[in-house]
Amino acid sequence: MSEFSHINKKNYPKMVYVGAKKITKRTAIAKAEMFLGKEIIAHFKNDELTTKKGPVFQTAIIAGIQAVKKTSELIPMCHPLLINGVDIDISIIDIKNIEIICKVEIEGKTGVEMEALTGVNITALTIYDMCKSISKNILIKEIKLLKKTGGKSDFNI
């Protein structure tokens, strides 16, 4: 069994040293599924809903991108990274549900899984915030990492 990478010999928290790692292209893709319900989805026109707070999906995407960039400020052991790109897509998958996909890319010494997961979380929470005036029957159903490339191991669902 491998040891936790963020614990030192005294069992104190530490930030993993990445200075000796090679710079490689790294990608992570995370997904969130949300139940919005028929009542909310019925308000959408051309795959967008505009509320008094503004366009829901466009605002949520911007919030998700900001979250990706601030991940190291939110999660203590994450390294600050120079992100090469973030792409967030939101799709209505049926009359009640939506899907959020966040892809993060970097050339660096550490992965971007936490950034992609943070991006879909904040995107989903922003949608929740902007739609709760229509219905409080909203559910963030599932958040998961779909793919990670680069570094010493790849992951793909």
C-alpha atoms as a PDB file:
ATOM      1  CA  MET A   1       0.000   0.000   0.000  1.00  0.00           C
ATOM      2  CA  SER A   2       1.385   3.408  -0.899  1.00  0.00           C
ATOM      3  CA  GLU A   3       1.811   6.199   1.606  1.00  0.00           C
ATOM      4  CA  PHE A   4      -0.087   9.461   1.531  1.00  0.00           C
ATOM      5  CA  SER A   5       1.983  11.977  -0.407  1.00  0.00           C
ATOM      6  CA  HIS A   6       0.890  14.970   1.681  1.00  0.00           C
ATOM      7  CA  ILE A   7       2.103  13.652   5.068  1.00  0.00           C
ATOM      8  CA  ASN A   8       5.704  13.966   6.261  1.00  0.00           C
ATOM      9  CA  LYS A   9       7.646  11.550   8.511  1.00  0.00           C
ATOM     10  CA  LYS A  10       6.164  13.168  11.627  1.00  0.00           C
ATOM     11  CA  ASN A  11       2.628  12.774  10.189  1.00  0.00           C
ATOM     12  CA  TYR A  12       2.353  16.529   9.658  1.00  0.00           C
ATOM     13  CA  PRO A  13       0.795  17.905   6.479  1.00  0.00           C
ATOM     14  CA  LYS A  14       3.171  18.935   3.712  1.00  0.00           C
ATOM     15  CA  MET A  15       2.976  20.123   0.137  1.00  0.00           C
ATOM     16  CA  VAL A  16       4.454  17.569  -2.263  1.00  0.00           C
ATOM     17  CA  TYR A  17       7.776  18.574  -3.800  1.00  0.00           C
ATOM     18  CA  VAL A  18       7.452  18.667  -7.603  1.00  0.00           C
ATOM     19  CA  GLY A  19      10.705  20.467  -8.439  1.00  0.00           C
ATOM     20  CA  ALA A  20      12.432  17.340  -9.782  1.00  0.00           C
ATOM     21  CA  LYS A  21       9.525  16.322 -12.037  1.00  0.00           C
ATOM     22  CA  LYS A  22       9.631  16.826 -15.796  1.00  0.00           C
ATOM     23  CA  ILE A  23       7.334  19.326 -17.447  1.00  0.00           C
ATOM     24  CA  THR A  24       4.751  17.394 -19.446  1.00  0.00           C
ATOM     25  CA  LYS A  25       1.428  18.132 -21.096  1.00  0.00           C
ATOM     26  CA  ARG A  26      -1.284  17.310 -18.596  1.00  0.00           C
ATOM     27  CA  THR A  27      -5.030  17.194 -19.075  1.00  0.00           C
ATOM     28  CA  ALA A  28      -7.956  16.442 -16.788  1.00  0.00           C
ATOM     29  CA  ILE A  29     -11.642  16.156 -17.636  1.00  0.00           C
ATOM     30  CA  ALA A  30     -14.331  16.178 -14.940  1.00  0.00           C
ATOM     31  CA  LYS A  31     -18.087  15.819 -15.210  1.00  0.00           C
ATOM     32  CA  ALA A  32     -21.082  16.885 -13.140  1.00  0.00           C
ATOM     33  CA  GLU A  33     -24.687  15.862 -13.657  1.00  0.00           C
ATOM     34  CA  MET A  34     -27.539  17.965 -12.350  1.00  0.00           C
ATOM     35  CA  PHE A  35     -31.266  17.471 -12.024  1.00  0.00           C
ATOM     36  CA  LEU A  36     -32.980  20.779 -12.754  1.00  0.00           C
ATOM     37  CA  GLY A  37     -36.460  19.428 -13.415  1.00  0.00           C
ATOM     38  CA  LYS A  38     -39.031  20.157 -16.086  1.00  0.00           C
ATOM     39  CA  GLU A  39     -40.035  23.473 -14.498  1.00  0.00           C
ATOM     40  CA  ILE A  40     -36.567  24.996 -14.894  1.00  0.00           C
ATOM     41  CA  ILE A  41     -35.673  23.367 -18.227  1.00  0.00           C
ATOM     42  CA  ALA A  42     -38.981  24.647 -19.689  1.00  0.00           C
ATOM     43  CA  HIS A  43     -37.705  28.227 -19.230  1.00  0.00           C
ATOM     44  CA  PHE A  44     -34.685  27.651 -21.490  1.00  0.00           C
ATOM     45  CA  LYS A  45     -34.612  29.135 -24.985  1.00  0.00           C
ATOM     46  CA  ASN A  46     -31.864  28.094 -27.432  1.00  0.00           C
ATOM     47  CA  ASP A  47     -30.025  26.149 -24.696  1.00  0.00           C
ATOM     48  CA  GLU A  48     -29.844  29.163 -22.361  1.00  0.00           C
ATOM     49  CA  LEU A  49     -31.930  30.603 -19.545  1.00  0.00           C
ATOM     50  CA  THR A  50     -31.763  34.273 -18.680  1.00  0.00           C
ATOM     51  CA  THR A  51     -32.822  35.236 -15.173  1.00  0.00           C
ATOM     52  CA  LYS A  52     -32.696  38.552 -13.306  1.00  0.00           C
ATOM     53  CA  LYS A  53     -29.114  37.566 -12.429  1.00  0.00           C
ATOM     54  CA  GLY A  54     -28.208  37.165 -16.125  1.00  0.00           C
ATOM     55  CA  PRO A  55     -27.622  34.285 -18.561  1.00  0.00           C
ATOM     56  CA  VAL A  56     -27.318  31.120 -16.440  1.00  0.00           C
ATOM     57  CA  PHE A  57     -24.978  28.916 -18.472  1.00  0.00           C
ATOM     58  CA  GLN A  58     -22.685  31.741 -19.602  1.00  0.00           C
ATOM     59  CA  THR A  59     -22.362  33.046 -16.042  1.00  0.00           C
ATOM     60  CA  ALA A  60     -21.789  29.536 -14.673  1.00  0.00           C
ATOM     61  CA  ILE A  61     -19.037  28.864 -17.232  1.00  0.00           C
ATOM     62  CA  ILE A  62     -17.230  32.070 -16.254  1.00  0.00           C
ATOM     63  CA  ALA A  63     -17.554  31.117 -12.559  1.00  0.00           C
ATOM     64  CA  GLY A  64     -16.151  27.657 -13.333  1.00  0.00           C
ATOM     65  CA  ILE A  65     -13.175  29.120 -15.176  1.00  0.00           C
ATOM     66  CA  GLN A  66     -12.474  31.470 -12.254  1.00  0.00           C
ATOM     67  CA  ALA A  67     -12.676  28.515  -9.868  1.00  0.00           C
ATOM     68  CA  VAL A  68     -10.153  26.515 -11.907  1.00  0.00           C
ATOM     69  CA  LYS A  69      -7.710  29.429 -11.662  1.00  0.00           C
ATOM     70  CA  LYS A  70      -8.227  29.736  -7.886  1.00  0.00           C
ATOM     71  CA  THR A  71      -8.093  26.034  -6.966  1.00  0.00           C
ATOM     72  CA  SER A  72      -4.803  26.384  -5.081  1.00  0.00           C
ATOM     73  CA  GLU A  73      -6.388  29.093  -2.928  1.00  0.00           C
ATOM     74  CA  LEU A  74      -9.281  26.776  -2.010  1.00  0.00           C
ATOM     75  CA  ILE A  75      -7.531  23.416  -1.570  1.00  0.00           C
ATOM     76  CA  PRO A  76      -4.502  23.789   0.715  1.00  0.00           C
ATOM     77  CA  MET A  77      -2.130  21.224  -0.837  1.00  0.00           C
ATOM     78  CA  CYS A  78      -2.732  22.155  -4.489  1.00  0.00           C
ATOM     79  CA  HIS A  79       0.116  23.939  -6.247  1.00  0.00           C
ATOM     80  CA  PRO A  80      -0.559  27.298  -7.948  1.00  0.00           C
ATOM     81  CA  LEU A  81      -0.480  26.564 -11.679  1.00  0.00           C
ATOM     82  CA  LEU A  82      -0.192  28.465 -14.942  1.00  0.00           C
ATOM     83  CA  ILE A  83      -3.251  27.041 -16.688  1.00  0.00           C
ATOM     84  CA  ASN A  84      -2.976  26.789 -20.480  1.00  0.00           C
ATOM     85  CA  GLY A  85      -6.669  26.367 -21.116  1.00  0.00           C
ATOM     86  CA  VAL A  86     -10.077  25.681 -19.617  1.00  0.00           C
ATOM     87  CA  ASP A  87     -13.094  24.557 -21.624  1.00  0.00           C
ATOM     88  CA  ILE A  88     -16.439  24.129 -19.877  1.00  0.00           C
ATOM     89  CA  ASP A  89     -19.447  22.804 -21.744  1.00  0.00           C
ATOM     90  CA  ILE A  90     -22.986  22.545 -20.420  1.00  0.00           C
ATOM     91  CA  SER A  91     -25.580  20.413 -22.202  1.00  0.00           C
ATOM     92  CA  ILE A  92     -29.248  19.775 -21.594  1.00  0.00           C
ATOM     93  CA  ILE A  93     -29.388  15.961 -21.758  1.00  0.00           C
ATOM     94  CA  ASP A  94     -33.146  15.514 -21.361  1.00  0.00           C
ATOM     95  CA  ILE A  95     -36.233  17.360 -20.097  1.00  0.00           C
ATOM     96  CA  LYS A  96     -34.986  17.263 -16.494  1.00  0.00           C
ATOM     97  CA  ASN A  97     -31.186  16.962 -16.489  1.00  0.00           C
ATOM     98  CA  ILE A  98     -28.016  18.719 -17.585  1.00  0.00           C
ATOM     99  CA  GLU A  99     -24.382  17.697 -17.857  1.00  0.00           C
ATOM    100  CA  ILE A 100     -21.313  19.837 -17.202  1.00  0.00           C
ATOM    101  CA  ILE A 101     -17.903  18.906 -18.617  1.00  0.00           C
ATOM    102  CA  CYS A 102     -14.732  20.766 -17.591  1.00  0.00           C
ATOM    103  CA  LYS A 103     -11.449  20.176 -19.425  1.00  0.00           C
ATOM    104  CA  VAL A 104      -8.259  21.725 -18.048  1.00  0.00           C
ATOM    105  CA  GLU A 105      -4.895  21.683 -19.823  1.00  0.00           C
ATOM    106  CA  ILE A 106      -1.413  22.612 -18.674  1.00  0.00           C
ATOM    107  CA  GLU A 107       2.228  22.038 -19.400  1.00  0.00           C
ATOM    108  CA  GLY A 108       3.635  21.538 -15.943  1.00  0.00           C
ATOM    109  CA  LYS A 109       5.016  19.334 -13.221  1.00  0.00           C
ATOM    110  CA  THR A 110       1.754  18.404 -11.514  1.00  0.00           C
ATOM    111  CA  GLY A 111      -1.697  17.356 -12.654  1.00  0.00           C
ATOM    112  CA  VAL A 112      -4.885  19.358 -12.985  1.00  0.00           C
ATOM    113  CA  GLU A 113      -7.472  16.893 -11.663  1.00  0.00           C
ATOM    114  CA  MET A 114      -8.416  19.084  -8.720  1.00  0.00           C
ATOM    115  CA  GLU A 115      -8.757  22.089 -11.023  1.00  0.00           C
ATOM    116  CA  ALA A 116     -11.170  20.221 -13.329  1.00  0.00           C
ATOM    117  CA  LEU A 117     -13.188  18.920 -10.359  1.00  0.00           C
ATOM    118  CA  THR A 118     -13.304  22.398  -8.813  1.00  0.00           C
ATOM    119  CA  GLY A 119     -14.425  23.833 -12.161  1.00  0.00           C
ATOM    120  CA  VAL A 120     -17.445  21.519 -12.480  1.00  0.00           C
ATOM    121  CA  ASN A 121     -18.360  22.008  -8.822  1.00  0.00           C
ATOM    122  CA  ILE A 122     -18.470  25.796  -9.009  1.00  0.00           C
ATOM    123  CA  THR A 123     -20.210  25.708 -12.395  1.00  0.00           C
ATOM    124  CA  ALA A 124     -22.914  23.485 -10.867  1.00  0.00           C
ATOM    125  CA  LEU A 125     -23.235  25.636  -7.745  1.00  0.00           C
ATOM    126  CA  THR A 126     -23.590  28.768  -9.876  1.00  0.00           C
ATOM    127  CA  ILE A 127     -26.384  27.145 -11.878  1.00  0.00           C
ATOM    128  CA  TYR A 128     -28.033  26.161  -8.599  1.00  0.00           C
ATOM    129  CA  ASP A 129     -27.753  29.714  -7.286  1.00  0.00           C
ATOM    130  CA  MET A 130     -29.172  31.246 -10.450  1.00  0.00           C
ATOM    131  CA  CYS A 131     -32.079  28.792 -10.786  1.00  0.00           C
ATOM    132  CA  LYS A 132     -33.190  28.389  -7.163  1.00  0.00           C
ATOM    133  CA  SER A 133     -35.728  31.214  -7.510  1.00  0.00           C
ATOM    134  CA  ILE A 134     -37.642  29.075 -10.040  1.00  0.00           C
ATOM    135  CA  SER A 135     -37.421  25.841  -8.045  1.00  0.00           C
ATOM    136  CA  LYS A 136     -35.513  24.596  -5.030  1.00  0.00           C
ATOM    137  CA  ASN A 137     -35.908  21.000  -6.282  1.00  0.00           C
ATOM    138  CA  ILE A 138     -32.417  21.039  -7.845  1.00  0.00           C
ATOM    139  CA  LEU A 139     -29.952  18.223  -7.295  1.00  0.00           C
ATOM    140  CA  ILE A 140     -26.246  18.052  -8.072  1.00  0.00           C
ATOM    141  CA  LYS A 141     -26.260  14.303  -8.681  1.00  0.00           C
ATOM    142  CA  GLU A 142     -22.753  13.263  -9.518  1.00  0.00           C
ATOM    143  CA  ILE A 143     -19.314  14.782  -9.829  1.00  0.00           C
ATOM    144  CA  LYS A 144     -16.433  12.662 -11.050  1.00  0.00           C
ATOM    145  CA  LEU A 145     -13.110  12.662 -12.822  1.00  0.00           C
ATOM    146  CA  LEU A 146     -13.451  11.177 -16.314  1.00  0.00           C
ATOM    147  CA  LYS A 147      -9.899  11.410 -17.592  1.00  0.00           C
ATOM    148  CA  LYS A 148      -6.380  12.398 -16.567  1.00  0.00           C
ATOM    149  CA  THR A 149      -3.342  12.338 -18.841  1.00  0.00           C
ATOM    150  CA  GLY A 150       0.283  13.250 -18.273  1.00  0.00           C
ATOM    151  CA  GLY A 151       2.536  12.591 -15.354  1.00  0.00           C
ATOM    152  CA  LYS A 152       3.362   9.107 -14.125  1.00  0.00           C
ATOM    153  CA  SER A 153      -0.087   7.568 -14.610  1.00  0.00           C
ATOM    154  CA  ASP A 154      -3.107   8.115 -16.850  1.00  0.00           C
ATOM    155  CA  PHE A 155      -6.724   7.590 -15.860  1.00  0.00           C
ATOM    156  CA  ASN A 156      -9.708   7.157 -18.162  1.00  0.00           C
ATOM    157  CA  ILE A 157     -13.223   6.014 -17.347  1.00  0.00           C
END
